[in-house]
Protein backbone atom coordinates (compact mmCIF):
# COMPACT_ATOMS: atom_id res chain seq x y z
CA MET A 1 -1.10 -7.81 -8.95
CA GLU A 2 0.26 -4.20 -8.65
CA MET A 3 1.61 -4.14 -12.20
CA THR A 4 -1.77 -5.43 -13.44
CA PHE A 5 -3.48 -2.47 -11.46
CA TYR A 6 -0.90 -0.01 -12.79
CA LEU A 7 -1.58 -1.20 -16.40
CA LEU A 8 -5.29 -1.09 -16.10
CA TYR A 9 -5.07 2.44 -14.38
CA ALA A 10 -2.80 3.67 -17.30
CA CYS A 11 -5.38 2.54 -19.97
CA CYS A 12 -7.87 4.72 -18.21
CA LEU A 13 -5.59 7.86 -17.85
CA PRO A 14 -6.66 9.32 -21.14
CA LEU A 15 -10.33 9.29 -19.94
CA ARG A 16 -11.65 12.39 -18.33
CA GLU A 17 -11.35 12.27 -14.36
CA GLY A 18 -15.14 11.40 -13.85
CA ARG A 19 -15.21 8.65 -16.26
CA ARG A 20 -11.62 7.41 -15.34
CA VAL A 21 -12.70 6.06 -11.71
CA ALA A 22 -15.80 4.59 -13.19
CA SER A 23 -13.86 2.77 -15.91
CA ILE A 24 -11.19 1.25 -13.62
CA THR A 25 -14.02 0.20 -11.37
CA ILE A 26 -15.56 -1.71 -14.27
CA LEU A 27 -12.22 -3.32 -15.36
CA ILE A 28 -11.38 -4.27 -11.86
CA THR A 29 -14.79 -5.93 -11.35
CA ALA A 30 -14.49 -7.75 -14.58
CA LEU A 31 -11.10 -8.97 -14.04
CA TYR A 32 -12.17 -10.24 -10.77
CA VAL A 33 -15.25 -12.00 -12.06
CA ALA A 34 -13.24 -13.56 -14.98
CA GLY A 35 -10.72 -14.81 -12.43
CA LEU A 36 -13.56 -16.43 -10.37
CA VAL A 37 -15.09 -17.98 -13.50
CA GLY A 38 -11.92 -19.30 -14.97
CA ALA A 39 -10.36 -20.33 -11.72
CA ARG A 40 -11.22 -23.94 -11.88
CA ASN A 41 -9.53 -24.45 -15.34
CA HIS A 42 -6.67 -22.16 -15.10
CA SER A 43 -4.23 -21.14 -12.26
CA ILE A 44 -3.47 -17.76 -13.80
CA ALA A 45 -7.27 -16.94 -13.84
CA SER A 46 -7.51 -17.90 -10.23
CA PHE A 47 -4.65 -15.49 -9.49
CA TYR A 48 -6.89 -12.50 -10.88
CA GLY A 49 -9.88 -13.81 -8.76
CA ASN A 50 -8.20 -12.76 -5.55
CA SER A 51 -10.24 -10.06 -3.75
CA ILE A 52 -7.08 -8.20 -3.10
CA ILE A 53 -7.39 -6.28 -6.21
CA PHE A 54 -10.29 -4.41 -4.76
CA GLU A 55 -7.90 -2.99 -2.22
CA PHE A 56 -6.37 -0.96 -4.99
CA LEU A 57 -9.68 0.28 -6.02
CA MET A 58 -10.51 1.28 -2.41
CA GLY A 59 -7.42 3.40 -2.40
CA ILE A 60 -8.60 5.23 -5.59
CA LEU A 61 -12.06 5.81 -4.26
CA LEU A 62 -10.68 7.18 -0.77
CA GLY A 63 -8.06 9.54 -2.43
CA ALA A 64 -10.46 10.82 -5.21
CA TYR A 65 -13.65 11.13 -3.44
CA LEU A 66 -13.58 10.71 0.26
CA ILE A 67 -10.60 12.27 1.77
CA PRO A 68 -11.21 15.85 0.14
CA PHE A 69 -14.64 15.86 2.02
CA LEU A 70 -13.77 13.98 5.20
CA ARG A 71 -14.70 16.07 8.11
CA PHE A 72 -15.86 14.36 11.41
CA SER A 73 -14.96 14.84 15.10
CA LYS A 74 -11.53 13.87 16.71
CA ALA A 75 -13.41 11.55 19.11
CA LEU A 76 -14.86 9.64 16.13
CA ALA A 77 -11.78 9.53 14.23
CA TRP A 78 -9.85 8.03 17.20
CA ALA A 79 -12.61 5.57 17.78
CA LEU A 80 -12.62 4.42 14.39
CA LEU A 81 -8.87 4.11 14.12
CA ALA A 82 -8.75 2.00 17.42
CA ILE A 83 -11.68 -0.20 16.05
CA SER A 84 -9.90 -0.66 12.72
CA ILE A 85 -6.68 -1.56 14.15
CA VAL A 86 -8.31 -4.22 16.75
CA THR A 87 -10.13 -5.58 13.84
CA LEU A 88 -6.83 -6.08 11.71
CA ALA A 89 -5.20 -7.77 14.56
CA PHE A 90 -7.94 -10.55 15.29
CA ILE A 91 -10.07 -10.82 12.28
CA GLU A 92 -7.93 -13.50 10.71
CA SER A 93 -8.52 -15.87 13.69
CA ALA A 94 -12.22 -14.73 13.98
CA ALA A 95 -13.26 -15.05 10.42
CA PRO A 96 -10.70 -16.67 8.46
CA ASP A 97 -12.89 -17.55 5.54
CA LEU A 98 -13.77 -13.89 4.74
CA PRO A 99 -12.58 -12.49 1.44
CA ARG A 100 -9.31 -10.66 1.83
CA ALA A 101 -10.86 -7.25 0.59
CA LEU A 102 -13.38 -7.49 3.52
CA LYS A 103 -11.12 -8.97 6.09
CA PHE A 104 -8.10 -6.44 5.59
CA GLY A 105 -9.12 -3.92 2.95
CA CYS A 106 -12.24 -2.49 4.71
CA PRO A 107 -10.49 -1.89 8.37
CA ALA A 108 -7.40 -0.50 6.39
CA PHE A 109 -9.59 1.76 4.52
CA ILE A 110 -11.45 2.98 7.72
CA ALA A 111 -8.00 3.34 9.55
CA ILE A 112 -6.48 5.48 6.77
CA ALA A 113 -9.63 7.57 6.60
CA ALA A 114 -9.43 8.25 10.38
CA ALA A 115 -5.71 9.01 10.31
CA VAL A 116 -6.07 11.62 7.74
CA ASN A 117 -8.97 13.22 9.19
CA LEU A 118 -6.90 13.38 12.50
CA GLU A 119 -4.08 14.86 10.68
CA ARG A 120 -6.15 17.68 9.18
CA ARG A 121 -7.45 18.60 12.46
CA SER A 122 -3.89 18.69 13.86
CA ALA A 123 -4.90 16.03 16.58
CA VAL A 124 -1.57 14.41 15.76
CA PRO A 125 1.80 15.75 16.93
CA ASP A 126 4.52 16.34 14.23
CA LEU A 127 6.77 13.42 15.11
CA PRO A 128 9.96 13.45 13.00
CA ALA A 129 10.09 9.55 13.16
CA LEU A 130 6.73 9.12 11.48
CA VAL A 131 7.74 11.81 9.04
CA LYS A 132 10.69 9.72 8.22
CA LEU A 133 8.58 6.52 8.04
CA GLY A 134 6.29 8.35 5.56
CA ASP A 135 9.18 9.39 3.51
CA ALA A 136 10.45 5.73 3.21
CA SER A 137 7.06 4.39 2.88
CA TYR A 138 7.61 3.12 -0.88
CA SER A 139 11.06 1.54 0.08
CA ILE A 140 9.26 -0.28 3.01
CA TYR A 141 6.50 -1.48 0.65
CA LEU A 142 8.85 -2.85 -1.97
CA SER A 143 11.28 -4.66 0.48
CA HIS A 144 8.99 -5.94 3.20
CA ILE A 145 8.10 -9.07 1.23
CA ILE A 146 11.76 -10.03 1.10
CA VAL A 147 12.03 -9.26 4.97
CA LEU A 148 9.11 -11.43 5.69
CA ALA A 149 10.19 -14.33 3.62
CA GLY A 150 13.55 -14.26 5.41
CA LEU A 151 11.92 -14.17 8.61
CA ARG A 152 9.69 -17.01 7.94
CA MET A 153 12.82 -19.01 6.91
CA ALA A 154 14.33 -18.23 10.21
CA VAL A 155 11.38 -19.34 12.23
CA ARG A 156 11.38 -22.52 10.42
CA PHE A 157 15.04 -23.09 11.04
CA LEU A 158 14.71 -22.40 14.67
CA GLY A 159 11.73 -24.86 14.99
CA ILE A 160 9.52 -22.58 16.74
CA ASP A 161 6.85 -22.26 13.83
CA GLY A 162 3.43 -22.93 15.43
CA SER A 163 4.88 -22.59 19.08
CA PRO A 164 2.29 -20.58 21.49
CA GLY A 165 2.75 -16.83 21.04
CA THR A 166 5.09 -16.97 18.07
CA ALA A 167 2.77 -15.28 15.80
CA TYR A 168 2.58 -12.04 17.94
CA VAL A 169 6.35 -12.09 18.54
CA PHE A 170 6.83 -12.62 14.91
CA ILE A 171 4.46 -9.69 13.76
CA ALA A 172 6.50 -7.40 16.38
CA ILE A 173 9.70 -8.31 14.92
CA ALA A 174 8.35 -8.18 11.37
CA LEU A 175 7.21 -4.78 11.76
CA LEU A 176 10.48 -3.47 13.15
CA ALA A 177 12.52 -5.27 10.66
CA SER A 178 10.64 -4.13 7.74
CA ALA A 179 10.76 -0.45 8.97
CA ILE A 180 14.52 -0.62 9.43
CA VAL A 181 15.24 -2.37 6.11
CA GLY A 182 13.00 0.09 4.26
CA LEU A 183 14.54 3.07 5.92
CA LEU A 184 18.15 1.89 5.20
CA ILE A 185 17.05 1.31 1.39
CA HIS A 186 15.34 4.68 1.29
CA GLU A 187 18.48 6.50 2.84
CA TYR A 188 21.24 4.73 0.81
CA ILE A 189 19.49 3.66 -2.32
CA GLU A 190 16.43 5.51 -3.22
CA LYS A 191 17.63 9.10 -2.21
CA PRO A 192 20.98 8.63 -4.00
CA LEU A 193 19.19 7.29 -7.22
CA SER A 194 16.71 10.20 -6.84
CA ARG A 195 19.61 12.60 -6.75
CA ILE A 196 21.31 11.13 -9.75
CA LYS A 197 17.85 11.23 -11.60
CA LEU A 198 17.43 14.85 -10.80
CA GLY A 199 21.08 15.41 -11.87
CA LEU A 200 20.44 13.87 -15.34
CA GLY A 201 17.23 15.79 -15.72
CA GLY A 202 18.96 18.81 -14.99
CA LEU A 203 21.74 18.07 -17.65
CA ASN A 204 19.19 17.50 -20.21
CA ASN A 205 17.17 20.69 -19.39
CA LYS A 206 20.33 22.92 -19.65
CA PRO A 207 19.97 25.26 -22.68
CA ARG A 208 22.11 24.56 -25.61
CA ASN A 209 24.96 26.96 -26.57
CA THR A 210 23.54 28.70 -29.76
CA THR A 211 26.34 31.24 -30.20
CA PRO A 212 27.59 30.86 -33.88
CA GLN A 213 31.12 29.42 -34.13
CA HIS A 214 33.76 31.43 -36.11
């Protein structure tokens, strides 16, 4: 799904900024509708009928239009952040049939907006651990699926799948394990590769020796 979004966004890059967001909105909506219509006859179509694709659109709208203008009180920001976190924790059991974009996308949208507003108002202390997690966020994002798959296999192997309280313990362990694995990948794979890339870029940008040879 991520690659589909990146492809759609890349197609809209040549457009002016104002038209770019409108165009990607239309494309994502059209793809979603086509997925719903074709879901009965084709499994690939049903994949694109997943409302998760609108979460990418929410991120664009938040970054392009809302974040630059977000200005509300610290009290409201903390309240919105708390409400969104509680909603994310319990909405699956309270409303399992809601589309994913409403169930998880909207609370996450509100949480990010509130967190950005708090950061702008210097309401959050500068914690090096959180900065480190932010630096490693893309590595965490790429690796967490593998971590979760491994944890699910472990839960099934131990025969504790479905046991009372397992879900909450699983979530806590999954968060910690995903963060640790992502940090390790960031430190020992992503950063070294980035340094190599910068080094190669420096070599390519070095001026050529144009001194005449005698």
